[in-house]
C-alpha atoms as a PDB file:
ATOM      1  CA  MET A   1     -15.926 -10.394   5.886  1.00  0.00           C
ATOM      2  CA  LEU A   2     -16.159  -8.401   9.072  1.00  0.00           C
ATOM      3  CA  SER A   3     -17.755 -10.063  12.086  1.00  0.00           C
ATOM      4  CA  PRO A   4     -20.170  -7.638  13.826  1.00  0.00           C
ATOM      5  CA  ALA A   5     -19.183  -6.157  17.211  1.00  0.00           C
ATOM      6  CA  ASN A   6     -21.318  -7.811  19.890  1.00  0.00           C
ATOM      7  CA  LYS A   7     -20.072  -5.698  22.713  1.00  0.00           C
ATOM      8  CA  ILE A   8     -18.233  -2.452  23.336  1.00  0.00           C
ATOM      9  CA  LYS A   9     -15.333  -2.051  25.734  1.00  0.00           C
ATOM     10  CA  ARG A  10     -13.481   1.057  26.824  1.00  0.00           C
ATOM     11  CA  GLY A  11     -10.006   1.293  25.318  1.00  0.00           C
ATOM     12  CA  ILE A  12      -6.823   1.371  27.326  1.00  0.00           C
ATOM     13  CA  HIS A  13      -5.823   5.059  27.431  1.00  0.00           C
ATOM     14  CA  MET A  14      -2.041   5.131  27.203  1.00  0.00           C
ATOM     15  CA  THR A  15      -1.857   8.885  26.564  1.00  0.00           C
ATOM     16  CA  GLU A  16      -3.233   9.994  29.916  1.00  0.00           C
ATOM     17  CA  ILE A  17       0.195   9.961  31.578  1.00  0.00           C
ATOM     18  CA  VAL A  18       2.271  11.315  28.717  1.00  0.00           C
ATOM     19  CA  ASN A  19       3.783  14.309  30.474  1.00  0.00           C
ATOM     20  CA  LYS A  20       4.232  13.194  34.098  1.00  0.00           C
ATOM     21  CA  GLY A  21       7.645  14.237  35.371  1.00  0.00           C
ATOM     22  CA  ILE A  22       8.598  15.995  32.133  1.00  0.00           C
ATOM     23  CA  PRO A  23       9.279  19.734  32.552  1.00  0.00           C
ATOM     24  CA  ILE A  24       8.003  21.951  29.755  1.00  0.00           C
ATOM     25  CA  THR A  25       9.871  25.232  29.051  1.00  0.00           C
ATOM     26  CA  VAL A  26       9.996  27.814  26.293  1.00  0.00           C
ATOM     27  CA  ASN A  27      12.824  25.740  24.790  1.00  0.00           C
ATOM     28  CA  THR A  28      11.024  22.397  24.764  1.00  0.00           C
ATOM     29  CA  GLY A  29      10.678  20.940  21.269  1.00  0.00           C
ATOM     30  CA  LEU A  30       7.009  19.994  20.783  1.00  0.00           C
ATOM     31  CA  ILE A  31       6.273  16.868  18.760  1.00  0.00           C
ATOM     32  CA  PRO A  32       2.601  16.027  18.366  1.00  0.00           C
ATOM     33  CA  LEU A  33       1.131  12.770  17.147  1.00  0.00           C
ATOM     34  CA  MET A  34      -1.622  13.902  14.745  1.00  0.00           C
ATOM     35  CA  GLY A  35      -4.459  11.435  14.149  1.00  0.00           C
ATOM     36  CA  LYS A  36      -7.708  10.097  15.516  1.00  0.00           C
ATOM     37  CA  PRO A  37      -8.325   7.981  17.519  1.00  0.00           C
ATOM     38  CA  ILE A  38      -5.016   7.939  19.371  1.00  0.00           C
ATOM     39  CA  HIS A  39      -5.852   7.327  23.013  1.00  0.00           C
ATOM     40  CA  TRP A  40      -4.571   3.791  22.601  1.00  0.00           C
ATOM     41  CA  SER A  41      -1.075   4.696  21.420  1.00  0.00           C
ATOM     42  CA  PHE A  42       2.056   3.477  23.217  1.00  0.00           C
ATOM     43  CA  ALA A  43       4.132   6.023  21.298  1.00  0.00           C
ATOM     44  CA  PRO A  44       4.077   8.985  23.776  1.00  0.00           C
ATOM     45  CA  ARG A  45       5.552   6.886  26.615  1.00  0.00           C
ATOM     46  CA  MET A  46       8.144   5.193  24.410  1.00  0.00           C
ATOM     47  CA  GLN A  47       9.158   8.459  22.704  1.00  0.00           C
ATOM     48  CA  ASN A  48       9.405  10.473  25.891  1.00  0.00           C
ATOM     49  CA  THR A  49      11.394   7.788  27.624  1.00  0.00           C
ATOM     50  CA  ALA A  50      13.830   7.807  24.660  1.00  0.00           C
ATOM     51  CA  TYR A  51      14.203  11.636  24.776  1.00  0.00           C
ATOM     52  CA  LYS A  52      15.010  11.483  28.520  1.00  0.00           C
ATOM     53  CA  ALA A  53      17.593   8.793  27.892  1.00  0.00           C
ATOM     54  CA  LEU A  54      19.188  10.873  25.117  1.00  0.00           C
ATOM     55  CA  GLY A  55      19.112  14.093  27.198  1.00  0.00           C
ATOM     56  CA  LEU A  56      16.804  15.789  24.686  1.00  0.00           C
ATOM     57  CA  ASP A  57      14.393  18.614  25.727  1.00  0.00           C
ATOM     58  CA  PHE A  58      11.592  17.193  23.546  1.00  0.00           C
ATOM     59  CA  LEU A  59       7.922  16.428  24.402  1.00  0.00           C
ATOM     60  CA  TYR A  60       5.829  13.988  22.335  1.00  0.00           C
ATOM     61  CA  PHE A  61       2.098  14.241  22.942  1.00  0.00           C
ATOM     62  CA  PRO A  62      -1.200  13.229  21.344  1.00  0.00           C
ATOM     63  CA  LEU A  63      -3.156  15.705  19.297  1.00  0.00           C
ATOM     64  CA  GLU A  64      -6.449  14.370  17.949  1.00  0.00           C
ATOM     65  CA  VAL A  65      -7.011  15.788  14.454  1.00  0.00           C
ATOM     66  CA  GLU A  66      -8.558  14.403  11.286  1.00  0.00           C
ATOM     67  CA  ASN A  67      -8.349  15.428   7.641  1.00  0.00           C
ATOM     68  CA  ASP A  68     -10.747  18.378   7.926  1.00  0.00           C
ATOM     69  CA  ASN A  69      -8.487  20.272  10.342  1.00  0.00           C
ATOM     70  CA  LEU A  70      -5.145  18.863   9.345  1.00  0.00           C
ATOM     71  CA  GLU A  71      -4.029  21.828   7.230  1.00  0.00           C
ATOM     72  CA  ALA A  72      -4.671  24.219  10.114  1.00  0.00           C
ATOM     73  CA  MET A  73      -2.573  22.129  12.499  1.00  0.00           C
ATOM     74  CA  VAL A  74       0.279  21.724  10.013  1.00  0.00           C
ATOM     75  CA  ASN A  75       0.401  25.552   9.437  1.00  0.00           C
ATOM     76  CA  ALA A  76       0.334  26.117  13.215  1.00  0.00           C
ATOM     77  CA  PHE A  77       3.199  23.778  13.988  1.00  0.00           C
ATOM     78  CA  ARG A  78       5.182  25.151  11.080  1.00  0.00           C
ATOM     79  CA  HIS A  79       5.633  28.269  13.204  1.00  0.00           C
ATOM     80  CA  MET A  80       6.024  26.597  16.678  1.00  0.00           C
ATOM     81  CA  ASN A  81       9.103  25.408  18.441  1.00  0.00           C
ATOM     82  CA  SER A  82       8.951  21.891  17.012  1.00  0.00           C
ATOM     83  CA  PRO A  83      11.499  19.633  15.263  1.00  0.00           C
ATOM     84  CA  GLY A  84       8.574  17.994  13.475  1.00  0.00           C
ATOM     85  CA  TRP A  85       5.695  15.584  14.262  1.00  0.00           C
ATOM     86  CA  ALA A  86       4.243  12.173  13.720  1.00  0.00           C
ATOM     87  CA  VAL A  87       1.202  11.448  11.555  1.00  0.00           C
ATOM     88  CA  THR A  88      -1.148   8.490  11.925  1.00  0.00           C
ATOM     89  CA  LYS A  89      -4.543   7.296  10.744  1.00  0.00           C
ATOM     90  CA  PRO A  90      -6.402   8.856   8.967  1.00  0.00           C
ATOM     91  CA  ASN A  91      -3.901  11.595   7.930  1.00  0.00           C
ATOM     92  CA  LYS A  92      -0.963   9.757   6.394  1.00  0.00           C
ATOM     93  CA  VAL A  93      -2.011  10.448   2.784  1.00  0.00           C
ATOM     94  CA  GLU A  94      -3.816  13.755   3.334  1.00  0.00           C
ATOM     95  CA  VAL A  95      -0.755  15.337   4.872  1.00  0.00           C
ATOM     96  CA  LEU A  96       1.174  15.134   1.592  1.00  0.00           C
ATOM     97  CA  LYS A  97      -0.750  18.159   0.357  1.00  0.00           C
ATOM     98  CA  TYR A  98       0.768  20.426   2.964  1.00  0.00           C
ATOM     99  CA  LEU A  99       4.469  19.528   2.852  1.00  0.00           C
ATOM    100  CA  ASP A 100       7.315  21.141   1.017  1.00  0.00           C
ATOM    101  CA  GLU A 101       9.371  18.095   0.225  1.00  0.00           C
ATOM    102  CA  LEU A 102       9.209  14.337   0.350  1.00  0.00           C
ATOM    103  CA  ASP A 103      11.894  11.768   0.943  1.00  0.00           C
ATOM    104  CA  GLU A 104      12.215   9.501  -2.132  1.00  0.00           C
ATOM    105  CA  LEU A 105      10.685   6.444  -0.420  1.00  0.00           C
ATOM    106  CA  ALA A 106       7.790   8.427   1.027  1.00  0.00           C
ATOM    107  CA  ARG A 107       7.121   9.940  -2.430  1.00  0.00           C
ATOM    108  CA  LYS A 108       6.993   6.427  -3.981  1.00  0.00           C
ATOM    109  CA  MET A 109       4.820   5.085  -1.206  1.00  0.00           C
ATOM    110  CA  GLY A 110       2.399   8.049  -1.351  1.00  0.00           C
ATOM    111  CA  ALA A 111       2.090   8.185   2.459  1.00  0.00           C
ATOM    112  CA  VAL A 112       3.921   9.996   5.264  1.00  0.00           C
ATOM    113  CA  ASN A 113       4.047   9.254   8.992  1.00  0.00           C
ATOM    114  CA  THR A 114       6.952  11.537   9.938  1.00  0.00           C
ATOM    115  CA  VAL A 115       7.427  15.271   9.251  1.00  0.00           C
ATOM    116  CA  VAL A 116      10.767  16.919   9.885  1.00  0.00           C
ATOM    117  CA  LYS A 117      11.322  20.683   9.971  1.00  0.00           C
ATOM    118  CA  ARG A 118      14.578  21.341   8.148  1.00  0.00           C
ATOM    119  CA  ASP A 119      15.939  24.667   6.927  1.00  0.00           C
ATOM    120  CA  GLY A 120      12.509  26.255   7.073  1.00  0.00           C
ATOM    121  CA  LYS A 121      10.845  23.475   5.053  1.00  0.00           C
ATOM    122  CA  LEU A 122       8.588  20.614   6.032  1.00  0.00           C
ATOM    123  CA  VAL A 123      10.008  17.309   4.799  1.00  0.00           C
ATOM    124  CA  GLY A 124       7.916  14.105   4.783  1.00  0.00           C
ATOM    125  CA  TYR A 125       9.267  10.633   5.534  1.00  0.00           C
ATOM    126  CA  ASN A 126       7.735   7.174   6.006  1.00  0.00           C
ATOM    127  CA  THR A 127       9.296   5.093   8.717  1.00  0.00           C
ATOM    128  CA  ASP A 128       6.373   2.648   8.909  1.00  0.00           C
ATOM    129  CA  GLY A 129       7.649   0.423   6.114  1.00  0.00           C
ATOM    130  CA  GLU A 130      11.128  -0.092   7.507  1.00  0.00           C
ATOM    131  CA  GLY A 131       9.700  -0.607  10.995  1.00  0.00           C
ATOM    132  CA  PHE A 132       7.350  -3.234   9.608  1.00  0.00           C
ATOM    133  CA  ILE A 133      10.082  -5.050   7.713  1.00  0.00           C
ATOM    134  CA  ARG A 134      12.378  -5.151  10.704  1.00  0.00           C
ATOM    135  CA  SER A 135       9.662  -6.533  12.899  1.00  0.00           C
ATOM    136  CA  LEU A 136       8.476  -9.088  10.335  1.00  0.00           C
ATOM    137  CA  LEU A 137      11.991 -10.471   9.783  1.00  0.00           C
ATOM    138  CA  ASP A 138      12.852 -10.541  13.464  1.00  0.00           C
ATOM    139  CA  GLU A 139       9.614 -12.069  14.708  1.00  0.00           C
ATOM    140  CA  SER A 140       9.110 -14.563  11.945  1.00  0.00           C
ATOM    141  CA  GLY A 141      12.630 -16.016  12.272  1.00  0.00           C
ATOM    142  CA  GLY A 142      13.864 -14.367   9.077  1.00  0.00           C
ATOM    143  CA  ILE A 143      11.505 -15.386   6.291  1.00  0.00           C
ATOM    144  CA  GLU A 144      12.586 -14.932   2.690  1.00  0.00           C
ATOM    145  CA  ILE A 145      10.276 -12.163   1.487  1.00  0.00           C
ATOM    146  CA  LYS A 146      10.953 -12.833  -2.204  1.00  0.00           C
ATOM    147  CA  GLU A 147       9.545 -16.368  -1.773  1.00  0.00           C
ATOM    148  CA  LYS A 148       6.316 -15.388  -0.063  1.00  0.00           C
ATOM    149  CA  THR A 149       2.835 -14.330  -1.088  1.00  0.00           C
ATOM    150  CA  PHE A 150       1.156 -11.714   1.049  1.00  0.00           C
ATOM    151  CA  PHE A 151      -2.527 -10.750   1.628  1.00  0.00           C
ATOM    152  CA  CYS A 152      -3.125  -7.232   2.969  1.00  0.00           C
ATOM    153  CA  PHE A 153      -6.475  -6.106   4.332  1.00  0.00           C
ATOM    154  CA  GLY A 154      -6.361  -2.261   4.381  1.00  0.00           C
ATOM    155  CA  ALA A 155      -4.842   0.031   1.739  1.00  0.00           C
ATOM    156  CA  GLY A 156      -4.559   3.277   3.703  1.00  0.00           C
ATOM    157  CA  GLY A 157      -1.309   4.740   5.070  1.00  0.00           C
ATOM    158  CA  ALA A 158      -0.122   1.643   6.958  1.00  0.00           C
ATOM    159  CA  GLY A 159      -1.123  -0.642   4.106  1.00  0.00           C
ATOM    160  CA  ARG A 160       0.654   1.529   1.630  1.00  0.00           C
ATOM    161  CA  ALA A 161       3.858   1.482   3.696  1.00  0.00           C
ATOM    162  CA  CYS A 162       3.868  -2.245   4.286  1.00  0.00           C
ATOM    163  CA  CYS A 163       2.924  -3.263   0.724  1.00  0.00           C
ATOM    164  CA  SER A 164       5.360  -0.870  -0.855  1.00  0.00           C
ATOM    165  CA  SER A 165       8.188  -2.056   1.378  1.00  0.00           C
ATOM    166  CA  LEU A 166       7.377  -5.672   0.537  1.00  0.00           C
ATOM    167  CA  ALA A 167       7.360  -4.880  -3.171  1.00  0.00           C
ATOM    168  CA  PHE A 168      10.650  -2.973  -2.817  1.00  0.00           C
ATOM    169  CA  ARG A 169      12.112  -6.146  -1.325  1.00  0.00           C
ATOM    170  CA  ASN A 170      10.822  -8.341  -4.235  1.00  0.00           C
ATOM    171  CA  ALA A 171       7.841 -10.020  -2.596  1.00  0.00           C
ATOM    172  CA  LYS A 172       6.481 -12.837  -4.826  1.00  0.00           C
ATOM    173  CA  LYS A 173       2.937 -11.564  -4.844  1.00  0.00           C
ATOM    174  CA  ILE A 174       0.711  -9.125  -2.895  1.00  0.00           C
ATOM    175  CA  TYR A 175      -3.037  -9.279  -2.761  1.00  0.00           C
ATOM    176  CA  ILE A 176      -4.658  -6.023  -1.634  1.00  0.00           C
ATOM    177  CA  LEU A 177      -8.222  -5.510  -0.429  1.00  0.00           C
ATOM    178  CA  ASP A 178      -9.904  -2.564   1.267  1.00  0.00           C
ATOM    179  CA  LYS A 179     -13.483  -1.604   2.093  1.00  0.00           C
ATOM    180  CA  MET A 180     -12.980   1.175  -0.405  1.00  0.00           C
ATOM    181  CA  ASP A 181     -12.268  -0.452  -3.759  1.00  0.00           C
ATOM    182  CA  ASP A 182     -10.760   2.613  -5.354  1.00  0.00           C
ATOM    183  CA  VAL A 183      -8.248   2.914  -2.575  1.00  0.00           C
ATOM    184  CA  ALA A 184      -7.115  -0.716  -2.907  1.00  0.00           C
ATOM    185  CA  LYS A 185      -7.003  -0.560  -6.734  1.00  0.00           C
ATOM    186  CA  THR A 186      -4.978   2.644  -6.665  1.00  0.00           C
ATOM    187  CA  LEU A 187      -2.436   1.093  -4.280  1.00  0.00           C
ATOM    188  CA  ALA A 188      -2.128  -2.075  -6.417  1.00  0.00           C
ATOM    189  CA  ASP A 189      -1.714   0.006  -9.586  1.00  0.00           C
ATOM    190  CA  ASP A 190       0.900   2.288  -7.914  1.00  0.00           C
ATOM    191  CA  ILE A 191       2.928  -0.675  -6.666  1.00  0.00           C
ATOM    192  CA  ASN A 192       2.848  -2.333 -10.110  1.00  0.00           C
ATOM    193  CA  THR A 193       3.967   0.886 -11.758  1.00  0.00           C
ATOM    194  CA  ILE A 194       6.459   2.295  -9.295  1.00  0.00           C
ATOM    195  CA  PHE A 195       7.993  -0.817  -7.673  1.00  0.00           C
ATOM    196  CA  ALA A 196       7.319  -4.115  -9.474  1.00  0.00           C
ATOM    197  CA  PRO A 197       4.300  -5.907 -11.112  1.00  0.00           C
ATOM    198  CA  VAL A 198       3.482  -8.020  -8.069  1.00  0.00           C
ATOM    199  CA  ALA A 199       0.201  -6.534  -6.710  1.00  0.00           C
ATOM    200  CA  THR A 200      -3.313  -7.910  -7.346  1.00  0.00           C
ATOM    201  CA  PHE A 201      -6.413  -5.837  -6.447  1.00  0.00           C
ATOM    202  CA  ILE A 202      -9.285  -7.808  -4.866  1.00  0.00           C
ATOM    203  CA  PRO A 203     -12.758  -6.172  -4.919  1.00  0.00           C
ATOM    204  CA  TYR A 204     -14.286  -5.982  -1.449  1.00  0.00           C
ATOM    205  CA  GLU A 205     -17.547  -7.619  -2.486  1.00  0.00           C
ATOM    206  CA  ASP A 206     -15.857 -10.505  -4.364  1.00  0.00           C
ATOM    207  CA  LYS A 207     -16.046 -13.132  -1.658  1.00  0.00           C
ATOM    208  CA  ALA A 208     -14.712 -15.971  -3.819  1.00  0.00           C
ATOM    209  CA  ALA A 209     -11.640 -13.913  -4.893  1.00  0.00           C
ATOM    210  CA  PHE A 210     -11.117 -12.826  -1.250  1.00  0.00           C
ATOM    211  CA  GLU A 211     -11.215 -16.390   0.088  1.00  0.00           C
ATOM    212  CA  ALA A 212      -8.923 -17.694  -2.726  1.00  0.00           C
ATOM    213  CA  ALA A 213      -6.404 -14.972  -2.110  1.00  0.00           C
ATOM    214  CA  VAL A 214      -6.302 -15.604   1.635  1.00  0.00           C
ATOM    215  CA  ARG A 215      -5.809 -19.331   1.112  1.00  0.00           C
ATOM    216  CA  ASP A 216      -3.032 -18.707  -1.416  1.00  0.00           C
ATOM    217  CA  SER A 217      -1.077 -16.467   0.887  1.00  0.00           C
ATOM    218  CA  ASP A 218       1.820 -17.198   3.233  1.00  0.00           C
ATOM    219  CA  VAL A 219       1.432 -14.028   5.285  1.00  0.00           C
ATOM    220  CA  LEU A 220      -1.810 -12.272   6.225  1.00  0.00           C
ATOM    221  CA  LEU A 221      -1.709  -8.596   7.164  1.00  0.00           C
ATOM    222  CA  ASN A 222      -4.393  -6.566   8.920  1.00  0.00           C
ATOM    223  CA  ASN A 223      -3.585  -2.895   8.268  1.00  0.00           C
ATOM    224  CA  ALA A 224      -7.160  -1.605   8.512  1.00  0.00           C
ATOM    225  CA  GLY A 225      -7.485  -1.102  12.262  1.00  0.00           C
ATOM    226  CA  VAL A 226     -10.173  -3.798  12.360  1.00  0.00           C
ATOM    227  CA  GLY A 227     -10.371  -5.189  15.880  1.00  0.00           C
ATOM    228  CA  MET A 228      -9.200  -2.056  17.629  1.00  0.00           C
ATOM    229  CA  TYR A 229     -11.134  -0.556  20.504  1.00  0.00           C
ATOM    230  CA  PRO A 230     -14.083  -0.264  20.694  1.00  0.00           C
ATOM    231  CA  ASN A 231     -14.776  -2.914  18.039  1.00  0.00           C
ATOM    232  CA  LEU A 232     -13.023  -5.797  19.668  1.00  0.00           C
ATOM    233  CA  GLU A 233     -15.213  -8.459  18.189  1.00  0.00           C
ATOM    234  CA  GLU A 234     -14.436  -7.590  14.593  1.00  0.00           C
ATOM    235  CA  THR A 235     -11.904  -9.450  12.475  1.00  0.00           C
ATOM    236  CA  PRO A 236     -10.879  -8.954   8.855  1.00  0.00           C
ATOM    237  CA  ILE A 237     -10.503 -12.674   8.074  1.00  0.00           C
ATOM    238  CA  ASP A 238     -12.739 -15.505   9.324  1.00  0.00           C
ATOM    239  CA  LYS A 239     -10.838 -18.171  11.334  1.00  0.00           C
ATOM    240  CA  SER A 240     -12.016 -20.930   8.887  1.00  0.00           C
ATOM    241  CA  LEU A 241      -9.846 -19.456   6.123  1.00  0.00           C
ATOM    242  CA  ILE A 242      -6.622 -19.437   8.134  1.00  0.00           C
ATOM    243  CA  ASN A 243      -4.172 -22.363   8.202  1.00  0.00           C
ATOM    244  CA  LYS A 244      -1.388 -23.076  10.670  1.00  0.00           C
ATOM    245  CA  ASN A 245       1.376 -22.532   8.169  1.00  0.00           C
ATOM    246  CA  GLN A 246       0.557 -18.857   7.736  1.00  0.00           C
ATOM    247  CA  ILE A 247       2.106 -15.884   9.503  1.00  0.00           C
ATOM    248  CA  CYS A 248      -0.520 -13.355  10.724  1.00  0.00           C
ATOM    249  CA  PHE A 249       0.467  -9.725  11.295  1.00  0.00           C
ATOM    250  CA  ASP A 250      -1.770  -7.087  12.813  1.00  0.00           C
ATOM    251  CA  ALA A 251      -0.593  -3.446  12.795  1.00  0.00           C
ATOM    252  CA  THR A 252      -2.675  -2.904  15.924  1.00  0.00           C
ATOM    253  CA  TYR A 253      -0.919  -3.343  19.324  1.00  0.00           C
ATOM    254  CA  ASN A 254      -3.548  -2.126  21.783  1.00  0.00           C
ATOM    255  CA  PRO A 255      -5.239  -4.534  22.361  1.00  0.00           C
ATOM    256  CA  ILE A 256      -2.095  -6.671  22.398  1.00  0.00           C
ATOM    257  CA  LYS A 257      -3.961  -9.443  20.593  1.00  0.00           C
ATOM    258  CA  THR A 258      -6.904  -8.607  18.415  1.00  0.00           C
ATOM    259  CA  ARG A 259      -9.534 -11.205  17.663  1.00  0.00           C
ATOM    260  CA  PHE A 260      -7.705 -11.837  14.397  1.00  0.00           C
ATOM    261  CA  LEU A 261      -4.464 -12.676  16.186  1.00  0.00           C
ATOM    262  CA  LYS A 262      -6.174 -14.726  18.885  1.00  0.00           C
ATOM    263  CA  GLU A 263      -7.914 -16.892  16.340  1.00  0.00           C
ATOM    264  CA  ALA A 264      -4.766 -17.239  14.253  1.00  0.00           C
ATOM    265  CA  GLU A 265      -2.891 -18.368  17.323  1.00  0.00           C
ATOM    266  CA  GLU A 266      -5.594 -20.940  18.091  1.00  0.00           C
ATOM    267  CA  VAL A 267      -5.134 -22.318  14.591  1.00  0.00           C
ATOM    268  CA  GLY A 268      -1.389 -22.628  15.202  1.00  0.00           C
ATOM    269  CA  CYS A 269      -0.054 -19.654  13.183  1.00  0.00           C
ATOM    270  CA  THR A 270       2.922 -17.486  14.030  1.00  0.00           C
ATOM    271  CA  ILE A 271       1.379 -14.176  15.114  1.00  0.00           C
ATOM    272  CA  ILE A 272       2.945 -10.731  15.136  1.00  0.00           C
ATOM    273  CA  ASN A 273       1.236  -7.585  16.498  1.00  0.00           C
ATOM    274  CA  GLY A 274       2.212  -4.004  15.817  1.00  0.00           C
ATOM    275  CA  GLN A 275       4.515  -3.471  18.806  1.00  0.00           C
ATOM    276  CA  GLY A 276       7.705  -4.273  17.007  1.00  0.00           C
ATOM    277  CA  MET A 277       6.733  -2.105  14.022  1.00  0.00           C
ATOM    278  CA  SER A 278       5.871   0.717  16.410  1.00  0.00           C
ATOM    279  CA  TYR A 279       9.093   0.870  18.406  1.00  0.00           C
ATOM    280  CA  CYS A 280      11.263   0.206  15.369  1.00  0.00           C
ATOM    281  CA  GLN A 281       9.674   2.952  13.273  1.00  0.00           C
ATOM    282  CA  GLY A 282       9.637   5.222  16.394  1.00  0.00           C
ATOM    283  CA  ALA A 283      13.378   4.823  16.946  1.00  0.00           C
ATOM    284  CA  ILE A 284      13.948   5.857  13.319  1.00  0.00           C
ATOM    285  CA  GLN A 285      11.718   8.946  13.901  1.00  0.00           C
ATOM    286  CA  VAL A 286      13.746   9.921  16.920  1.00  0.00           C
ATOM    287  CA  ALA A 287      16.908   9.793  14.858  1.00  0.00           C
ATOM    288  CA  LEU A 288      15.354  11.973  12.180  1.00  0.00           C
ATOM    289  CA  TRP A 289      14.138  14.665  14.598  1.00  0.00           C
ATOM    290  CA  SER A 290      17.251  14.739  16.711  1.00  0.00           C
ATOM    291  CA  GLY A 291      20.238  13.561  14.654  1.00  0.00           C
ATOM    292  CA  LYS A 292      20.961  11.099  17.508  1.00  0.00           C
ATOM    293  CA  PRO A 293      21.460   7.303  17.091  1.00  0.00           C
ATOM    294  CA  GLU A 294      18.274   5.234  17.056  1.00  0.00           C
ATOM    295  CA  PRO A 295      17.287   4.440  20.705  1.00  0.00           C
ATOM    296  CA  ILE A 296      15.838   1.073  19.734  1.00  0.00           C
ATOM    297  CA  GLU A 297      16.702  -0.753  22.970  1.00  0.00           C
ATOM    298  CA  VAL A 298      15.275   2.009  25.192  1.00  0.00           C
ATOM    299  CA  MET A 299      12.010   2.069  23.268  1.00  0.00           C
ATOM    300  CA  LYS A 300      11.709  -1.738  23.219  1.00  0.00           C
ATOM    301  CA  GLU A 301      12.262  -1.851  27.000  1.00  0.00           C
ATOM    302  CA  GLU A 302       9.585   0.765  27.620  1.00  0.00           C
ATOM    303  CA  ASN A 303       7.222  -1.061  25.243  1.00  0.00           C
ATOM    304  CA  ASP A 304       7.762  -4.270  27.282  1.00  0.00           C
ATOM    305  CA  LYS A 305       6.978  -2.397  30.521  1.00  0.00           C
ATOM    306  CA  ILE A 306       3.753  -1.052  29.099  1.00  0.00           C
ATOM    307  CA  VAL A 307       2.696  -4.539  27.915  1.00  0.00           C
ATOM    308  CA  ALA A 308       3.487  -5.994  31.334  1.00  0.00           C
ATOM    309  CA  GLU A 309       1.326  -3.302  33.025  1.00  0.00           C
ATOM    310  CA  ILE A 310      -1.549  -3.998  30.712  1.00  0.00           C
ATOM    311  CA  ILE A 311      -1.374  -7.731  31.348  1.00  0.00           C
ATOM    312  CA  ALA A 312      -1.207  -7.171  35.112  1.00  0.00           C
ATOM    313  CA  SER A 313      -4.190  -4.820  34.985  1.00  0.00           C
ATOM    314  CA  GLN A 314      -6.264  -7.478  33.247  1.00  0.00           C
ATOM    315  CA  LYS A 315      -5.734 -10.181  35.872  1.00  0.00           C
END
């Protein structure tokens, strides 16, 4: 299912300029993004631009950490001047072990991407799902989720958030596949038990079931990070299985178009990358950490600037 990488390219490092022009004092609220790899993330620039616009003394910065060291980092930031932090791959499920409370939706999803320090406790939220739904509805022209069948490649934190949110909104059917069968089966079982009986587990090695599920679906989701730097030549779904009537979503947004999205566009599909999901869920995060209104327009404008810079640099 995965095409081998034929060449390696250096990723676009968005985090190298995260703190330019931002004074850091003893009062600055520190907000790390915990995950790995994260050099590709647009989030630091978008978040810090939003804080400046809102007059907040916050600093959002990348902190590369994986599951093995996550507990130590959580305990450290529990005692620092921090309103909370963001969590990304591969820590969105692992972090649940170290939190005091979970928002109801995050508990049902079984994944957290946002931690808020409140009254001495660490409270977990998941803004990915709502960010995904907002982006999907906006960029697809307002599809009727309850009438659509979805195929999701990737059952980790992002896959959990997207599939759970789709089930919550009465999706007709959701096929779920992951390189780790137990992870995909667990997600399908959880959705069927907690939300609605709409999920079907597809074994990774069952090529016939995989191809049938892709062809049966109206919307194809890549939530596995396949096609990110440095593996630009990889794709979760062969172009021959895609048809022009499908909507193709990739949670990746750097590169702006993965091989999966490029090939889907060539077929004639509507394509959606992870930019909208990113700035929508990020605006919700800012509101949770600060108590201020969601700065969605500010973050979208900064996202568009970043994209324009990337396109210009590639000419």
